[in-house]
Amino acid sequence: MGEGRGAMGGGRGELRGRGRGGAERERERETRQQPGPMLRPSYPIPPLLLKEIILSVDVAIMSGGVLQEESERRGAGLLPPWVKPLLETTFFSNCRFHGEPTNMYCLGCCMTDALCSSCLASHPGHHFVQIRRSSYHDVVRVNEIPKAVDISGIQTYVINSAKVIFLNERPQMRPSKSLTNACRICDRSLLDSFSYCSLGCKVIHLSPLSLKISFSNFIHVQC
C-alpha cells in the first residue's frame, strides 16, 4: 500500500512538473508571437525638425483647397522665378567661354548657369547680383537683392562693412548644448530675432507640401 501511494504521489508530481513546463512553453510561444518594440533611429531627431515634420504631415493630409490656402498664407507663391535657380547654381568655377571666375548671376534669365564679368555684355538691360564667398559658402549683399524678395527672418552678417545673407543652409553637426534659437530647417544656431540661417532655408520652409527634410537632416547627430 505504501509503495502504491508513493508511486501515485510520484506520478502526480511528475504530471505537475510537466504541467508547469507546458505553461512556460506556452508563455514563450505567446511572447514570440507578440510584435517587437518599434525600431528607433540611431540618432535622435532634433526637436525643431520633429516639430516641422509633424506640421508638414498635418498640412499634407488636408484637402487640396486647404493646401492652396496654406501655401498662399505662408507666401509660397510669391517667390520670383529666379530664386530657386539661383540657389541651385554653382559659382566660382572657371567660365567656359572666358576662363574667368563665375561669380555673377542674371536675374532676368532665371537660369542655373553662373556668369563671369565678361559674360554680362551679352545680357543687356538685365539685373545682376554678385555672389561672394564667406567660409567657403556663397553669400549675397542685402542691398543687391530686389525688394520683391522678402528676406525677413533671415539672419544677416556683416562682411567688409556690408550686410550679407547666405544663399544655402550651413548645418551644424554638433549644435551647442546652450542653444536657445536655431534655424527652422537645418538647426544652425541663430540670434533670437531670426528664424532662418539662409535664403534657401526660408524657401524650403515656405514650399507647399514639403516635408522640409534635407539630406543633412538625416545625418544630423545631436550630442
N, C-alpha and C. Protein backbone atom coordinates (compact mmCIF):
# COMPACT_ATOMS: atom_id res chain seq x y z
N MET A 1 0.83 -1.21 0.00
CA MET A 1 0.00 0.00 0.00
C MET A 1 0.86 1.25 0.00
N GLY A 2 1.86 1.28 0.90
CA GLY A 2 2.74 2.45 0.98
C GLY A 2 3.47 2.67 -0.32
N GLU A 3 3.92 1.53 -0.90
CA GLU A 3 4.64 1.69 -2.16
C GLU A 3 3.71 2.22 -3.25
N GLY A 4 2.41 1.78 -3.21
CA GLY A 4 1.46 2.25 -4.22
C GLY A 4 1.21 3.74 -4.09
N ARG A 5 1.03 4.19 -2.77
CA ARG A 5 0.79 5.63 -2.57
C ARG A 5 2.00 6.42 -3.02
N GLY A 6 3.21 5.86 -2.76
CA GLY A 6 4.43 6.57 -3.17
C GLY A 6 4.50 6.69 -4.68
N ALA A 7 4.11 5.61 -5.36
CA ALA A 7 4.15 5.64 -6.82
C ALA A 7 3.15 6.63 -7.37
N MET A 8 1.93 6.65 -6.71
CA MET A 8 0.92 7.58 -7.17
C MET A 8 1.35 9.02 -6.94
N GLY A 9 1.95 9.24 -5.73
CA GLY A 9 2.44 10.60 -5.44
C GLY A 9 3.49 11.03 -6.44
N GLY A 10 4.40 10.08 -6.76
CA GLY A 10 5.42 10.42 -7.74
C GLY A 10 4.82 10.74 -9.09
N GLY A 11 3.74 10.00 -9.47
CA GLY A 11 3.09 10.26 -10.75
C GLY A 11 2.46 11.64 -10.79
N ARG A 12 1.78 12.01 -9.63
CA ARG A 12 1.18 13.35 -9.60
C ARG A 12 2.23 14.43 -9.67
N GLY A 13 3.39 14.22 -8.99
CA GLY A 13 4.46 15.22 -9.05
C GLY A 13 5.01 15.36 -10.45
N GLU A 14 5.11 14.20 -11.13
CA GLU A 14 5.63 14.26 -12.49
C GLU A 14 4.67 15.00 -13.40
N LEU A 15 3.34 14.76 -13.20
CA LEU A 15 2.35 15.45 -14.02
C LEU A 15 2.38 16.94 -13.75
N ARG A 16 2.52 17.31 -12.43
CA ARG A 16 2.58 18.74 -12.11
C ARG A 16 3.80 19.37 -12.75
N GLY A 17 4.94 18.65 -12.76
CA GLY A 17 6.15 19.17 -13.38
C GLY A 17 5.96 19.37 -14.86
N ARG A 18 5.29 18.37 -15.50
CA ARG A 18 5.04 18.51 -16.93
C ARG A 18 4.10 19.68 -17.21
N GLY A 19 3.11 19.86 -16.28
CA GLY A 19 2.16 20.96 -16.46
C GLY A 19 2.85 22.30 -16.40
N ARG A 20 3.75 22.48 -15.43
CA ARG A 20 4.48 23.74 -15.33
C ARG A 20 5.33 23.97 -16.57
N GLY A 21 6.02 22.90 -17.03
CA GLY A 21 6.84 23.04 -18.23
C GLY A 21 6.00 23.43 -19.44
N GLY A 22 4.81 22.83 -19.58
CA GLY A 22 3.94 23.17 -20.69
C GLY A 22 3.48 24.61 -20.64
N ALA A 23 3.16 25.11 -19.42
CA ALA A 23 2.72 26.50 -19.28
C ALA A 23 3.84 27.46 -19.66
N GLU A 24 5.06 27.13 -19.23
CA GLU A 24 6.20 28.00 -19.58
C GLU A 24 6.43 28.04 -21.08
N ARG A 25 6.31 26.86 -21.72
CA ARG A 25 6.48 26.83 -23.17
C ARG A 25 5.38 27.63 -23.87
N GLU A 26 4.16 27.59 -23.34
CA GLU A 26 3.06 28.34 -23.92
C GLU A 26 3.31 29.85 -23.80
N ARG A 27 3.84 30.27 -22.64
CA ARG A 27 4.14 31.69 -22.46
C ARG A 27 5.24 32.13 -23.42
N GLU A 28 6.26 31.28 -23.61
CA GLU A 28 7.33 31.62 -24.54
C GLU A 28 6.80 31.76 -25.96
N ARG A 29 5.85 30.84 -26.33
CA ARG A 29 5.28 30.89 -27.68
C ARG A 29 4.49 32.18 -27.87
N GLU A 30 3.71 32.59 -26.86
CA GLU A 30 2.94 33.84 -26.96
C GLU A 30 3.87 35.04 -27.06
N THR A 31 4.97 35.00 -26.31
CA THR A 31 5.92 36.11 -26.34
C THR A 31 6.53 36.27 -27.73
N ARG A 32 6.88 35.12 -28.36
CA ARG A 32 7.46 35.18 -29.69
C ARG A 32 6.47 35.72 -30.71
N GLN A 33 5.18 35.44 -30.52
CA GLN A 33 4.18 35.89 -31.47
C GLN A 33 3.84 37.36 -31.33
N GLN A 34 4.13 37.97 -30.16
CA GLN A 34 3.83 39.38 -29.97
C GLN A 34 4.79 40.24 -30.79
N PRO A 35 4.31 41.36 -31.37
CA PRO A 35 5.20 42.24 -32.15
C PRO A 35 6.25 42.86 -31.26
N GLY A 36 7.45 42.96 -31.77
CA GLY A 36 8.55 43.53 -31.00
C GLY A 36 8.40 45.04 -30.89
N PRO A 37 9.24 45.68 -30.10
CA PRO A 37 9.19 47.13 -29.95
C PRO A 37 9.56 47.82 -31.26
N MET A 38 9.03 49.03 -31.44
CA MET A 38 9.34 49.80 -32.65
C MET A 38 10.81 50.15 -32.68
N LEU A 39 11.40 50.02 -33.86
CA LEU A 39 12.80 50.37 -34.01
C LEU A 39 12.95 51.88 -33.99
N ARG A 40 13.85 52.35 -33.22
CA ARG A 40 14.09 53.79 -33.12
C ARG A 40 15.35 54.13 -33.90
N PRO A 41 15.42 55.35 -34.43
CA PRO A 41 16.62 55.74 -35.18
C PRO A 41 17.84 55.75 -34.30
N SER A 42 19.00 55.52 -34.92
CA SER A 42 20.24 55.50 -34.16
C SER A 42 20.54 56.87 -33.56
N TYR A 43 20.09 57.94 -34.25
CA TYR A 43 20.36 59.28 -33.79
C TYR A 43 19.04 59.96 -33.45
N PRO A 44 19.00 60.75 -32.38
CA PRO A 44 17.75 61.43 -32.02
C PRO A 44 17.38 62.48 -33.05
N ILE A 45 16.08 62.61 -33.33
CA ILE A 45 15.62 63.64 -34.24
C ILE A 45 15.55 64.95 -33.47
N PRO A 46 16.18 66.01 -33.97
CA PRO A 46 16.15 67.29 -33.25
C PRO A 46 14.72 67.74 -33.04
N PRO A 47 14.40 68.29 -31.87
CA PRO A 47 13.02 68.71 -31.59
C PRO A 47 12.46 69.67 -32.62
N LEU A 48 13.27 70.61 -33.09
CA LEU A 48 12.78 71.57 -34.08
C LEU A 48 12.41 70.88 -35.38
N LEU A 49 13.23 69.91 -35.81
CA LEU A 49 12.93 69.18 -37.04
C LEU A 49 11.67 68.34 -36.86
N LEU A 50 11.52 67.69 -35.69
CA LEU A 50 10.35 66.87 -35.44
C LEU A 50 9.08 67.71 -35.50
N LYS A 51 9.16 68.92 -34.96
CA LYS A 51 8.01 69.82 -35.00
C LYS A 51 7.64 70.16 -36.43
N GLU A 52 8.65 70.40 -37.27
CA GLU A 52 8.39 70.72 -38.67
C GLU A 52 7.79 69.54 -39.40
N ILE A 53 8.27 68.32 -39.11
CA ILE A 53 7.74 67.12 -39.77
C ILE A 53 6.26 66.96 -39.44
N ILE A 54 5.92 67.10 -38.16
CA ILE A 54 4.53 66.93 -37.74
C ILE A 54 3.64 67.97 -38.39
N LEU A 55 4.10 69.22 -38.41
CA LEU A 55 3.33 70.28 -39.04
C LEU A 55 3.11 70.01 -40.52
N SER A 56 4.15 69.55 -41.22
CA SER A 56 4.04 69.31 -42.66
C SER A 56 3.13 68.15 -42.96
N VAL A 57 3.19 67.09 -42.16
CA VAL A 57 2.32 65.94 -42.38
C VAL A 57 0.87 66.34 -42.17
N ASP A 58 0.61 67.16 -41.14
CA ASP A 58 -0.75 67.63 -40.90
C ASP A 58 -1.27 68.42 -42.09
N VAL A 59 -0.40 69.24 -42.68
CA VAL A 59 -0.80 70.03 -43.84
C VAL A 59 -1.03 69.13 -45.05
N ALA A 60 -0.17 68.11 -45.22
CA ALA A 60 -0.22 67.26 -46.41
C ALA A 60 -1.49 66.43 -46.50
N ILE A 61 -2.13 66.12 -45.36
CA ILE A 61 -3.32 65.28 -45.40
C ILE A 61 -4.59 66.10 -45.55
N MET A 62 -4.45 67.40 -45.65
CA MET A 62 -5.63 68.25 -45.84
C MET A 62 -6.12 68.14 -47.29
N SER A 63 -7.29 68.67 -47.53
CA SER A 63 -7.82 68.69 -48.89
C SER A 63 -7.06 69.69 -49.73
N GLY A 64 -7.21 69.59 -51.08
CA GLY A 64 -6.49 70.47 -51.98
C GLY A 64 -6.77 71.93 -51.72
N GLY A 65 -8.04 72.27 -51.45
CA GLY A 65 -8.38 73.67 -51.21
C GLY A 65 -7.67 74.23 -50.00
N VAL A 66 -7.60 73.46 -48.94
CA VAL A 66 -6.93 73.92 -47.73
C VAL A 66 -5.43 74.05 -47.96
N LEU A 67 -4.88 73.10 -48.75
CA LEU A 67 -3.45 73.19 -49.07
C LEU A 67 -3.13 74.47 -49.82
N GLN A 68 -4.01 74.83 -50.77
CA GLN A 68 -3.79 76.05 -51.53
C GLN A 68 -3.83 77.26 -50.60
N GLU A 69 -4.79 77.26 -49.67
CA GLU A 69 -4.89 78.37 -48.73
C GLU A 69 -3.65 78.43 -47.84
N GLU A 70 -3.15 77.26 -47.44
CA GLU A 70 -1.96 77.23 -46.59
C GLU A 70 -0.76 77.78 -47.35
N SER A 71 -0.60 77.41 -48.63
CA SER A 71 0.50 77.91 -49.43
C SER A 71 0.44 79.42 -49.58
N GLU A 72 -0.77 79.92 -49.87
CA GLU A 72 -0.91 81.36 -50.04
C GLU A 72 -0.65 82.09 -48.73
N ARG A 73 -1.12 81.50 -47.62
CA ARG A 73 -0.92 82.15 -46.33
C ARG A 73 0.55 82.28 -45.99
N ARG A 74 1.34 81.26 -46.34
CA ARG A 74 2.76 81.27 -46.00
C ARG A 74 3.61 81.93 -47.08
N GLY A 75 2.99 82.40 -48.15
CA GLY A 75 3.72 83.15 -49.15
C GLY A 75 4.49 82.31 -50.13
N ALA A 76 4.11 81.03 -50.29
CA ALA A 76 4.87 80.15 -51.17
C ALA A 76 4.78 80.59 -52.63
N GLY A 77 3.66 81.21 -53.02
CA GLY A 77 3.50 81.58 -54.41
C GLY A 77 4.05 82.96 -54.74
N LEU A 78 4.71 83.61 -53.80
CA LEU A 78 5.18 84.97 -54.00
C LEU A 78 6.66 85.04 -54.34
N LEU A 79 7.32 83.93 -54.53
CA LEU A 79 8.74 83.95 -54.85
C LEU A 79 8.96 84.29 -56.31
N PRO A 80 9.88 85.19 -56.62
CA PRO A 80 10.21 85.47 -58.02
C PRO A 80 10.75 84.21 -58.69
N PRO A 81 10.61 84.07 -60.00
CA PRO A 81 11.00 82.83 -60.68
C PRO A 81 12.50 82.56 -60.66
N TRP A 82 13.33 83.56 -60.35
CA TRP A 82 14.78 83.35 -60.37
C TRP A 82 15.35 82.84 -59.05
N VAL A 83 14.53 82.81 -57.99
CA VAL A 83 15.08 82.48 -56.66
C VAL A 83 15.60 81.05 -56.61
N LYS A 84 14.77 80.07 -56.98
CA LYS A 84 15.20 78.67 -56.89
C LYS A 84 16.36 78.35 -57.84
N PRO A 85 16.33 78.83 -59.10
CA PRO A 85 17.52 78.61 -59.94
C PRO A 85 18.79 79.21 -59.36
N LEU A 86 18.68 80.37 -58.72
CA LEU A 86 19.85 80.98 -58.08
C LEU A 86 20.42 80.06 -57.01
N LEU A 87 19.55 79.47 -56.20
CA LEU A 87 20.00 78.60 -55.11
C LEU A 87 20.62 77.30 -55.63
N GLU A 88 20.27 76.90 -56.85
CA GLU A 88 20.79 75.65 -57.43
C GLU A 88 22.06 75.87 -58.25
N THR A 89 22.47 77.11 -58.42
CA THR A 89 23.61 77.42 -59.29
C THR A 89 24.93 77.24 -58.55
N THR A 90 25.92 76.70 -59.25
CA THR A 90 27.26 76.55 -58.71
C THR A 90 28.12 77.72 -59.18
N PHE A 91 28.74 78.40 -58.22
CA PHE A 91 29.55 79.57 -58.54
C PHE A 91 31.04 79.29 -58.33
N PHE A 92 31.84 80.21 -58.83
CA PHE A 92 33.30 80.22 -58.64
C PHE A 92 34.02 79.08 -59.36
N SER A 93 33.44 78.64 -60.46
CA SER A 93 34.19 77.79 -61.38
C SER A 93 34.69 78.69 -62.51
N ASN A 94 35.51 78.17 -63.39
CA ASN A 94 36.02 78.97 -64.50
C ASN A 94 35.01 78.99 -65.65
N CYS A 95 34.74 80.18 -66.16
CA CYS A 95 33.82 80.34 -67.28
C CYS A 95 34.33 79.57 -68.49
N ARG A 96 33.44 78.82 -69.14
CA ARG A 96 33.86 78.00 -70.28
C ARG A 96 34.12 78.84 -71.52
N PHE A 97 33.69 80.10 -71.49
CA PHE A 97 33.91 80.98 -72.64
C PHE A 97 35.10 81.93 -72.45
N HIS A 98 35.27 82.43 -71.21
CA HIS A 98 36.28 83.45 -70.97
C HIS A 98 37.36 83.02 -69.97
N GLY A 99 37.15 81.90 -69.30
CA GLY A 99 38.14 81.42 -68.35
C GLY A 99 38.23 82.20 -67.05
N GLU A 100 37.26 83.07 -66.80
CA GLU A 100 37.26 83.88 -65.59
C GLU A 100 36.35 83.26 -64.53
N PRO A 101 36.53 83.61 -63.26
CA PRO A 101 35.67 83.06 -62.20
C PRO A 101 34.21 83.47 -62.40
N THR A 102 33.31 82.54 -62.20
CA THR A 102 31.89 82.82 -62.37
C THR A 102 31.28 83.20 -61.01
N ASN A 103 31.14 84.48 -60.81
CA ASN A 103 30.60 84.97 -59.54
C ASN A 103 29.44 85.94 -59.75
N MET A 104 28.81 85.90 -60.93
CA MET A 104 27.68 86.77 -61.23
C MET A 104 26.46 85.92 -61.59
N TYR A 105 25.28 86.48 -61.33
CA TYR A 105 24.05 85.76 -61.67
C TYR A 105 23.08 86.75 -62.30
N CYS A 106 22.44 86.33 -63.40
CA CYS A 106 21.48 87.16 -64.12
C CYS A 106 20.07 86.84 -63.64
N LEU A 107 19.42 87.81 -63.02
CA LEU A 107 18.07 87.61 -62.52
C LEU A 107 17.03 87.62 -63.64
N GLY A 108 17.40 88.17 -64.78
CA GLY A 108 16.46 88.25 -65.89
C GLY A 108 16.33 86.97 -66.68
N CYS A 109 17.33 86.10 -66.60
CA CYS A 109 17.31 84.87 -67.41
C CYS A 109 16.79 83.65 -66.65
N CYS A 110 16.82 83.70 -65.31
CA CYS A 110 16.32 82.59 -64.48
C CYS A 110 16.96 81.26 -64.85
N MET A 111 18.24 81.25 -65.10
CA MET A 111 18.93 80.03 -65.48
C MET A 111 19.82 79.57 -64.32
N THR A 112 20.38 78.36 -64.44
CA THR A 112 21.24 77.83 -63.40
C THR A 112 22.70 77.89 -63.82
N ASP A 113 23.04 78.80 -64.71
CA ASP A 113 24.42 78.99 -65.15
C ASP A 113 24.97 80.27 -64.55
N ALA A 114 26.09 80.17 -63.86
CA ALA A 114 26.75 81.35 -63.33
C ALA A 114 27.51 82.06 -64.45
N LEU A 115 27.68 83.35 -64.29
CA LEU A 115 28.34 84.16 -65.31
C LEU A 115 29.62 84.78 -64.75
N CYS A 116 30.54 85.10 -65.64
CA CYS A 116 31.71 85.87 -65.24
C CYS A 116 31.47 87.32 -65.66
N SER A 117 32.35 88.22 -65.28
CA SER A 117 32.15 89.63 -65.59
C SER A 117 32.12 89.90 -67.09
N SER A 118 32.84 89.09 -67.88
CA SER A 118 32.85 89.28 -69.34
C SER A 118 31.56 88.81 -70.00
N CYS A 119 30.78 87.98 -69.31
CA CYS A 119 29.52 87.48 -69.88
C CYS A 119 28.41 88.53 -69.81
N LEU A 120 28.57 89.54 -68.97
CA LEU A 120 27.48 90.47 -68.71
C LEU A 120 27.08 91.24 -69.97
N ALA A 121 28.02 91.45 -70.88
CA ALA A 121 27.71 92.22 -72.09
C ALA A 121 26.65 91.54 -72.95
N SER A 122 26.51 90.24 -72.83
CA SER A 122 25.52 89.51 -73.62
C SER A 122 24.15 89.47 -72.95
N HIS A 123 23.99 90.19 -71.83
CA HIS A 123 22.70 90.26 -71.11
C HIS A 123 22.32 91.72 -70.89
N PRO A 124 22.16 92.50 -71.96
CA PRO A 124 21.89 93.94 -71.81
C PRO A 124 20.55 94.21 -71.13
N GLY A 125 20.56 95.18 -70.22
CA GLY A 125 19.33 95.59 -69.55
C GLY A 125 18.86 94.67 -68.44
N HIS A 126 19.62 93.62 -68.13
CA HIS A 126 19.21 92.69 -67.09
C HIS A 126 19.79 93.10 -65.73
N HIS A 127 19.15 92.61 -64.69
CA HIS A 127 19.59 92.87 -63.32
C HIS A 127 20.51 91.75 -62.87
N PHE A 128 21.67 92.08 -62.33
CA PHE A 128 22.64 91.09 -61.88
C PHE A 128 22.88 91.21 -60.38
N VAL A 129 23.29 90.12 -59.79
CA VAL A 129 23.78 90.15 -58.41
C VAL A 129 25.16 89.49 -58.41
N GLN A 130 26.02 90.00 -57.57
CA GLN A 130 27.35 89.43 -57.44
C GLN A 130 27.39 88.51 -56.23
N ILE A 131 27.90 87.31 -56.43
CA ILE A 131 28.00 86.34 -55.35
C ILE A 131 29.40 86.40 -54.75
N ARG A 132 29.46 86.39 -53.45
CA ARG A 132 30.73 86.42 -52.74
C ARG A 132 30.88 85.18 -51.88
N ARG A 133 32.04 84.99 -51.32
CA ARG A 133 32.31 83.81 -50.52
C ARG A 133 32.66 84.20 -49.09
N SER A 134 32.14 83.42 -48.16
CA SER A 134 32.50 83.56 -46.75
C SER A 134 32.54 82.17 -46.14
N SER A 135 33.70 81.78 -45.64
CA SER A 135 33.86 80.45 -45.03
C SER A 135 33.42 79.35 -46.00
N TYR A 136 33.80 79.51 -47.28
CA TYR A 136 33.52 78.53 -48.33
C TYR A 136 32.04 78.41 -48.66
N HIS A 137 31.25 79.40 -48.28
CA HIS A 137 29.82 79.38 -48.59
C HIS A 137 29.46 80.65 -49.36
N ASP A 138 28.45 80.54 -50.23
CA ASP A 138 28.05 81.67 -51.08
C ASP A 138 27.17 82.64 -50.30
N VAL A 139 27.47 83.93 -50.46
CA VAL A 139 26.67 84.98 -49.84
C VAL A 139 26.34 86.04 -50.89
N VAL A 140 25.32 86.82 -50.60
CA VAL A 140 24.94 87.93 -51.47
C VAL A 140 24.64 89.13 -50.57
N ARG A 141 25.01 90.31 -51.04
CA ARG A 141 24.76 91.52 -50.27
C ARG A 141 23.27 91.84 -50.23
N VAL A 142 22.82 92.27 -49.07
CA VAL A 142 21.41 92.57 -48.90
C VAL A 142 20.95 93.68 -49.83
N ASN A 143 21.80 94.69 -50.03
CA ASN A 143 21.39 95.82 -50.86
C ASN A 143 21.34 95.48 -52.35
N GLU A 144 21.79 94.29 -52.74
CA GLU A 144 21.70 93.87 -54.14
C GLU A 144 20.48 93.00 -54.41
N ILE A 145 19.80 92.57 -53.36
CA ILE A 145 18.63 91.71 -53.52
C ILE A 145 17.42 92.58 -53.83
N PRO A 146 16.68 92.29 -54.89
CA PRO A 146 15.49 93.08 -55.21
C PRO A 146 14.50 93.08 -54.05
N LYS A 147 13.78 94.18 -53.92
CA LYS A 147 12.82 94.32 -52.82
C LYS A 147 11.65 93.35 -52.96
N ALA A 148 11.51 92.74 -54.13
CA ALA A 148 10.42 91.78 -54.32
C ALA A 148 10.62 90.52 -53.48
N VAL A 149 11.83 90.31 -52.99
CA VAL A 149 12.11 89.13 -52.18
C VAL A 149 12.06 89.51 -50.70
N ASP A 150 11.24 88.81 -49.96
CA ASP A 150 11.11 89.05 -48.53
C ASP A 150 12.19 88.27 -47.79
N ILE A 151 13.18 88.96 -47.26
CA ILE A 151 14.27 88.29 -46.54
C ILE A 151 14.12 88.45 -45.03
N SER A 152 12.94 88.86 -44.60
CA SER A 152 12.72 88.99 -43.15
C SER A 152 12.86 87.63 -42.48
N GLY A 153 13.43 87.62 -41.32
CA GLY A 153 13.64 86.38 -40.58
C GLY A 153 14.94 85.68 -40.89
N ILE A 154 15.66 86.12 -41.94
CA ILE A 154 16.94 85.51 -42.30
C ILE A 154 18.06 86.27 -41.59
N GLN A 155 18.90 85.56 -40.90
CA GLN A 155 19.98 86.23 -40.17
C GLN A 155 20.98 86.86 -41.13
N THR A 156 21.33 88.11 -40.86
CA THR A 156 22.30 88.83 -41.68
C THR A 156 23.66 88.86 -40.98
N TYR A 157 24.70 89.00 -41.77
CA TYR A 157 26.06 89.08 -41.26
C TYR A 157 26.73 90.28 -41.93
N VAL A 158 27.74 90.82 -41.28
CA VAL A 158 28.47 91.95 -41.84
C VAL A 158 29.83 91.46 -42.31
N ILE A 159 30.08 91.60 -43.61
CA ILE A 159 31.36 91.20 -44.22
C ILE A 159 31.87 92.38 -45.04
N ASN A 160 33.07 92.84 -44.71
CA ASN A 160 33.65 94.01 -45.40
C ASN A 160 32.70 95.20 -45.35
N SER A 161 32.14 95.43 -44.16
CA SER A 161 31.27 96.58 -43.88
C SER A 161 29.94 96.52 -44.62
N ALA A 162 29.57 95.39 -45.19
CA ALA A 162 28.31 95.26 -45.91
C ALA A 162 27.50 94.11 -45.32
N LYS A 163 26.18 94.30 -45.22
CA LYS A 163 25.30 93.25 -44.74
C LYS A 163 25.10 92.21 -45.83
N VAL A 164 25.22 90.94 -45.46
CA VAL A 164 25.03 89.85 -46.41
C VAL A 164 24.14 88.77 -45.79
N ILE A 165 23.58 87.93 -46.66
CA ILE A 165 22.90 86.72 -46.21
C ILE A 165 23.48 85.54 -46.99
N PHE A 166 23.44 84.38 -46.39
CA PHE A 166 23.93 83.17 -47.06
C PHE A 166 22.84 82.64 -47.98
N LEU A 167 23.27 82.07 -49.09
CA LEU A 167 22.31 81.55 -50.06
C LEU A 167 21.69 80.23 -49.61
N ASN A 168 22.51 79.33 -49.10
CA ASN A 168 22.00 77.99 -48.75
C ASN A 168 22.39 77.61 -47.33
N GLU A 169 21.79 76.54 -46.87
CA GLU A 169 21.94 76.12 -45.49
C GLU A 169 23.38 75.76 -45.14
N ARG A 170 23.70 75.92 -43.88
CA ARG A 170 25.02 75.55 -43.35
C ARG A 170 24.80 74.78 -42.05
N PRO A 171 24.37 73.52 -42.14
CA PRO A 171 24.01 72.78 -40.93
C PRO A 171 25.20 72.56 -40.01
N GLN A 172 24.92 72.57 -38.73
CA GLN A 172 25.94 72.29 -37.72
C GLN A 172 25.81 70.84 -37.29
N MET A 173 26.92 70.10 -37.38
CA MET A 173 26.89 68.70 -36.98
C MET A 173 26.81 68.54 -35.47
N ARG A 174 27.33 69.52 -34.75
CA ARG A 174 27.33 69.44 -33.28
C ARG A 174 26.80 70.75 -32.71
N PRO A 175 25.48 70.91 -32.64
CA PRO A 175 24.92 72.15 -32.11
C PRO A 175 25.34 72.36 -30.66
N SER A 176 25.43 73.61 -30.28
CA SER A 176 25.82 73.95 -28.92
C SER A 176 24.76 73.46 -27.93
N LYS A 177 25.20 72.96 -26.78
CA LYS A 177 24.27 72.50 -25.76
C LYS A 177 23.50 73.65 -25.16
N SER A 178 24.03 74.86 -25.26
CA SER A 178 23.35 76.03 -24.73
C SER A 178 22.51 76.73 -25.79
N LEU A 179 22.15 76.01 -26.85
CA LEU A 179 21.40 76.57 -27.97
C LEU A 179 20.03 77.04 -27.50
N THR A 180 19.70 78.29 -27.79
CA THR A 180 18.40 78.85 -27.43
C THR A 180 17.53 79.14 -28.64
N ASN A 181 18.14 79.35 -29.80
CA ASN A 181 17.37 79.60 -31.02
C ASN A 181 18.11 78.99 -32.19
N ALA A 182 17.39 78.35 -33.09
CA ALA A 182 18.02 77.66 -34.22
C ALA A 182 17.20 77.83 -35.48
N CYS A 183 17.87 77.64 -36.61
CA CYS A 183 17.21 77.69 -37.91
C CYS A 183 16.11 76.63 -37.97
N ARG A 184 14.99 76.98 -38.52
CA ARG A 184 13.86 76.05 -38.57
C ARG A 184 14.11 74.85 -39.47
N ILE A 185 15.11 74.93 -40.34
CA ILE A 185 15.37 73.85 -41.28
C ILE A 185 16.60 73.04 -40.90
N CYS A 186 17.75 73.70 -40.70
CA CYS A 186 19.00 72.95 -40.52
C CYS A 186 19.55 73.01 -39.10
N ASP A 187 18.84 73.66 -38.17
CA ASP A 187 19.24 73.69 -36.76
C ASP A 187 20.51 74.49 -36.47
N ARG A 188 20.93 75.32 -37.39
CA ARG A 188 22.10 76.15 -37.11
C ARG A 188 21.71 77.20 -36.08
N SER A 189 22.59 77.47 -35.13
CA SER A 189 22.31 78.43 -34.07
C SER A 189 22.17 79.84 -34.65
N LEU A 190 21.18 80.56 -34.15
CA LEU A 190 20.87 81.90 -34.63
C LEU A 190 20.68 82.85 -33.46
N LEU A 191 20.73 84.12 -33.77
CA LEU A 191 20.33 85.12 -32.80
C LEU A 191 18.82 85.00 -32.58
N ASP A 192 18.35 85.44 -31.44
CA ASP A 192 16.96 85.20 -31.06
C ASP A 192 15.94 85.83 -32.00
N SER A 193 16.31 86.87 -32.71
CA SER A 193 15.34 87.58 -33.54
C SER A 193 15.20 87.00 -34.95
N PHE A 194 15.89 85.89 -35.25
CA PHE A 194 15.86 85.32 -36.60
C PHE A 194 15.32 83.90 -36.58
N SER A 195 14.82 83.45 -37.75
CA SER A 195 14.25 82.11 -37.89
C SER A 195 14.99 81.23 -38.88
N TYR A 196 15.79 81.83 -39.79
CA TYR A 196 16.47 81.07 -40.84
C TYR A 196 17.93 81.53 -40.93
N CYS A 197 18.79 80.59 -41.30
CA CYS A 197 20.21 80.91 -41.46
C CYS A 197 20.55 81.33 -42.87
N SER A 198 19.62 81.11 -43.82
CA SER A 198 19.92 81.39 -45.22
C SER A 198 18.63 81.58 -46.01
N LEU A 199 18.79 82.13 -47.21
CA LEU A 199 17.64 82.29 -48.10
C LEU A 199 17.08 80.93 -48.48
N GLY A 200 17.95 79.96 -48.72
CA GLY A 200 17.50 78.62 -49.10
C GLY A 200 16.63 77.97 -48.04
N CYS A 201 17.00 78.15 -46.78
CA CYS A 201 16.20 77.54 -45.70
C CYS A 201 14.82 78.16 -45.62
N LYS A 202 14.72 79.46 -45.86
CA LYS A 202 13.40 80.09 -45.84
C LYS A 202 12.56 79.61 -47.01
N VAL A 203 13.18 79.45 -48.18
CA VAL A 203 12.44 78.95 -49.35
C VAL A 203 11.92 77.55 -49.08
N ILE A 204 12.73 76.70 -48.47
CA ILE A 204 12.30 75.33 -48.15
C ILE A 204 11.11 75.37 -47.20
N HIS A 205 11.18 76.23 -46.21
CA HIS A 205 10.10 76.30 -45.23
C HIS A 205 8.80 76.81 -45.83
N LEU A 206 8.90 77.66 -46.84
CA LEU A 206 7.71 78.20 -47.48
C LEU A 206 7.15 77.31 -48.58
N SER A 207 7.88 76.29 -48.97
CA SER A 207 7.45 75.45 -50.08
C SER A 207 6.24 74.62 -49.69
N PRO A 208 5.16 74.60 -50.49
CA PRO A 208 3.97 73.81 -50.15
C PRO A 208 4.24 72.32 -50.26
N LEU A 209 3.59 71.54 -49.40
CA LEU A 209 3.67 70.08 -49.40
C LEU A 209 5.08 69.55 -49.18
N SER A 210 5.94 70.40 -48.65
CA SER A 210 7.31 69.94 -48.42
C SER A 210 7.44 69.42 -47.01
N LEU A 211 8.11 68.28 -46.87
CA LEU A 211 8.40 67.76 -45.53
C LEU A 211 9.59 68.47 -44.91
N LYS A 212 10.24 69.32 -45.69
CA LYS A 212 11.32 70.16 -45.20
C LYS A 212 12.43 69.35 -44.55
N ILE A 213 12.77 68.21 -45.17
CA ILE A 213 13.87 67.40 -44.67
C ILE A 213 14.93 67.34 -45.74
N SER A 214 16.10 67.88 -45.49
CA SER A 214 17.20 67.77 -46.44
C SER A 214 18.10 66.62 -46.02
N PHE A 215 19.03 66.27 -46.88
CA PHE A 215 19.93 65.17 -46.57
C PHE A 215 20.70 65.43 -45.29
N SER A 216 21.03 66.69 -45.06
CA SER A 216 21.79 67.00 -43.86
C SER A 216 20.99 66.71 -42.61
N ASN A 217 19.63 66.81 -42.66
CA ASN A 217 18.83 66.49 -41.51
C ASN A 217 18.91 65.00 -41.18
N PHE A 218 19.00 64.14 -42.21
CA PHE A 218 19.04 62.71 -41.97
C PHE A 218 20.33 62.30 -41.28
N ILE A 219 21.46 62.97 -41.58
CA ILE A 219 22.72 62.58 -40.99
C ILE A 219 23.05 63.43 -39.78
N HIS A 220 22.08 64.28 -39.36
CA HIS A 220 22.33 65.17 -38.24
C HIS A 220 22.53 64.36 -36.95
N VAL A 221 23.54 64.65 -36.24
CA VAL A 221 23.83 63.97 -34.98
C VAL A 221 23.77 65.00 -33.87
N GLN A 222 22.93 64.76 -32.92
CA GLN A 222 22.77 65.70 -31.81
C GLN A 222 23.48 65.16 -30.59
N CYS A 223 24.38 65.93 -30.02
CA CYS A 223 25.15 65.47 -28.87
C CYS A 223 24.71 66.23 -27.62
